[in-house]
Amino acid sequence: MTPQDAETRARDWCDAWNRRDLDAVLDHYAEDVTIRSPLVAQRVGTPDGVLQGKAALRAYFAICMRNPALSFSLVA
């Protein structure tokens, strides 16, 4: 992937999130995705903060998208 491709992909992800298009956001992830975040532990209640698989990520992002103030913009 070129730096230009990476930037385009990141902009697409931000745009999809800001439209609250969950399917378009998830198109950026593999089926076997693993996410680690202290926010996952906080919001979902998994003590280790780990999400396994696209279905778990979908459920987590659906919760996050309920916050209308949460938006993303690409800085660099």
C-alpha atoms as a PDB file:
ATOM      1  CA  MET A   1       0.000   0.000   0.000  1.00  0.00           C
ATOM      2  CA  THR A   2       1.386   3.387  -0.930  1.00  0.00           C
ATOM      3  CA  PRO A   3       1.239   6.345   1.465  1.00  0.00           C
ATOM      4  CA  GLN A   4      -1.392   7.856  -0.829  1.00  0.00           C
ATOM      5  CA  ASP A   5      -3.473   4.654  -0.672  1.00  0.00           C
ATOM      6  CA  ALA A   6      -3.183   4.630   3.117  1.00  0.00           C
ATOM      7  CA  GLU A   7      -4.338   8.235   3.324  1.00  0.00           C
ATOM      8  CA  THR A   8      -7.310   7.544   1.061  1.00  0.00           C
ATOM      9  CA  ARG A   9      -8.262   4.517   3.144  1.00  0.00           C
ATOM     10  CA  ALA A  10      -7.977   6.492   6.389  1.00  0.00           C
ATOM     11  CA  ARG A  11     -10.122   9.318   4.968  1.00  0.00           C
ATOM     12  CA  ASP A  12     -12.707   6.768   3.823  1.00  0.00           C
ATOM     13  CA  TRP A  13     -12.807   5.292   7.333  1.00  0.00           C
ATOM     14  CA  CYS A  14     -13.263   8.727   8.947  1.00  0.00           C
ATOM     15  CA  ASP A  15     -15.970   9.681   6.455  1.00  0.00           C
ATOM     16  CA  ALA A  16     -17.823   6.406   7.008  1.00  0.00           C
ATOM     17  CA  TRP A  17     -17.672   6.849  10.775  1.00  0.00           C
ATOM     18  CA  ASN A  18     -18.892  10.436  10.611  1.00  0.00           C
ATOM     19  CA  ARG A  19     -21.843   9.311   8.436  1.00  0.00           C
ATOM     20  CA  ARG A  20     -22.506   6.574  11.001  1.00  0.00           C
ATOM     21  CA  ASP A  21     -22.253   3.979   8.227  1.00  0.00           C
ATOM     22  CA  LEU A  22     -21.313   0.980  10.324  1.00  0.00           C
ATOM     23  CA  ASP A  23     -21.019  -1.405   7.372  1.00  0.00           C
ATOM     24  CA  ALA A  24     -18.629   0.932   5.542  1.00  0.00           C
ATOM     25  CA  VAL A  25     -16.491   1.297   8.673  1.00  0.00           C
ATOM     26  CA  LEU A  26     -16.349  -2.465   9.162  1.00  0.00           C
ATOM     27  CA  ASP A  27     -15.292  -2.983   5.522  1.00  0.00           C
ATOM     28  CA  HIS A  28     -11.862  -1.813   6.702  1.00  0.00           C
ATOM     29  CA  TYR A  29     -11.420  -4.809   9.023  1.00  0.00           C
ATOM     30  CA  ALA A  30     -10.735  -8.518   8.552  1.00  0.00           C
ATOM     31  CA  GLU A  31     -13.196 -11.096   9.883  1.00  0.00           C
ATOM     32  CA  ASP A  32     -10.648 -12.203  12.488  1.00  0.00           C
ATOM     33  CA  VAL A  33      -9.814  -8.695  13.733  1.00  0.00           C
ATOM     34  CA  THR A  34      -8.506  -8.284  17.273  1.00  0.00           C
ATOM     35  CA  ILE A  35      -8.863  -4.931  19.030  1.00  0.00           C
ATOM     36  CA  ARG A  36      -7.280  -4.036  22.390  1.00  0.00           C
ATOM     37  CA  SER A  37      -8.280  -0.864  24.176  1.00  0.00           C
ATOM     38  CA  PRO A  38      -8.904   0.306  27.726  1.00  0.00           C
ATOM     39  CA  LEU A  39     -12.090   1.882  26.356  1.00  0.00           C
ATOM     40  CA  VAL A  40     -13.338  -1.566  25.367  1.00  0.00           C
ATOM     41  CA  ALA A  41     -12.939  -2.714  28.964  1.00  0.00           C
ATOM     42  CA  GLN A  42     -14.752   0.387  30.155  1.00  0.00           C
ATOM     43  CA  ARG A  43     -17.673   0.334  27.698  1.00  0.00           C
ATOM     44  CA  VAL A  44     -18.248  -3.367  27.138  1.00  0.00           C
ATOM     45  CA  GLY A  45     -17.034  -4.764  30.429  1.00  0.00           C
ATOM     46  CA  THR A  46     -14.373  -7.120  29.113  1.00  0.00           C
ATOM     47  CA  PRO A  47     -11.656  -6.936  31.788  1.00  0.00           C
ATOM     48  CA  ASP A  48      -8.789  -7.439  29.337  1.00  0.00           C
ATOM     49  CA  GLY A  49     -10.120  -4.828  26.880  1.00  0.00           C
ATOM     50  CA  VAL A  50      -9.940  -7.282  23.968  1.00  0.00           C
ATOM     51  CA  LEU A  51     -12.495  -7.773  21.203  1.00  0.00           C
ATOM     52  CA  GLN A  52     -12.178 -10.796  18.924  1.00  0.00           C
ATOM     53  CA  GLY A  53     -13.799 -10.893  15.500  1.00  0.00           C
ATOM     54  CA  LYS A  54     -15.830  -8.581  13.333  1.00  0.00           C
ATOM     55  CA  ALA A  55     -19.142  -9.351  15.071  1.00  0.00           C
ATOM     56  CA  ALA A  56     -17.744  -8.181  18.414  1.00  0.00           C
ATOM     57  CA  LEU A  57     -16.271  -5.094  16.773  1.00  0.00           C
ATOM     58  CA  ARG A  58     -19.645  -4.345  15.154  1.00  0.00           C
ATOM     59  CA  ALA A  59     -21.379  -4.470  18.539  1.00  0.00           C
ATOM     60  CA  TYR A  60     -18.740  -2.233  20.110  1.00  0.00           C
ATOM     61  CA  PHE A  61     -18.775   0.339  17.297  1.00  0.00           C
ATOM     62  CA  ALA A  62     -22.584   0.383  17.371  1.00  0.00           C
ATOM     63  CA  ILE A  63     -22.371   1.455  21.021  1.00  0.00           C
ATOM     64  CA  CYS A  64     -19.740   4.078  20.223  1.00  0.00           C
ATOM     65  CA  MET A  65     -21.755   5.497  17.330  1.00  0.00           C
ATOM     66  CA  ARG A  66     -24.571   6.380  19.717  1.00  0.00           C
ATOM     67  CA  ASN A  67     -22.406   9.268  20.883  1.00  0.00           C
ATOM     68  CA  PRO A  68     -23.196  12.072  18.395  1.00  0.00           C
ATOM     69  CA  ALA A  69     -20.158  14.053  19.540  1.00  0.00           C
ATOM     70  CA  LEU A  70     -17.709  11.306  18.549  1.00  0.00           C
ATOM     71  CA  SER A  71     -16.272  12.120  15.142  1.00  0.00           C
ATOM     72  CA  PHE A  72     -12.960  11.672  13.396  1.00  0.00           C
ATOM     73  CA  SER A  73     -10.815  13.732  11.062  1.00  0.00           C
ATOM     74  CA  LEU A  74      -7.524  12.793   9.487  1.00  0.00           C
ATOM     75  CA  VAL A  75      -4.689  14.976  10.713  1.00  0.00           C
ATOM     76  CA  ALA A  76      -1.652  13.319   9.150  1.00  0.00           C
END
